[in-house]
Amino acid sequence: QVQLVESGGGLVQAGGSLRLSCAVSGRTFSVYGMGWFRQAPGKEREFVVAISWNSGGTYYADSVKGRFTISRDNARNTVYLQMNTLKPEDTAVYYCAAGHTIAVSTAPASVNSYDDWGQGTQVTVSS
């Protein structure tokens, strides 16, 4: 089990950028991969992007390809989500998640592939 703390959310105008961070603590050696999900009011939690902790392989939702970039700093046990060209439809609470099995690679978009979740950080994009 690991603990996850997100930061970096806020209010930004459409077309702007934000960078989210997810600090990982605890049994970090057991993490296979990390993911970012988001949830808008009245909607289900939606996959955004995932990264394999060791290989660095990435998986993106079509809605964010070319605009969002995930990266990780293994030394700092931190995962980042750089979000550019933000749109009002990107408005949501963004959650960081950690998976401890290969499911993060085989089914990165499934919430069931992740074992630990952060508390979320609000991102609001104004038009």
Foldseek 3Di string as FASTA:
>chain_A
DKAKAKDWADEEAAQAKIKMKIAIDDPLVQFQKKFKWWDDPPDDIWGAKMAGPPPRDIDGDPVQPPFWDWDDDVVRRMIMIIGGRDDQVVWTWMKMFTARDCCCVVPVTDPVRTDYIYPTDTHGYHD
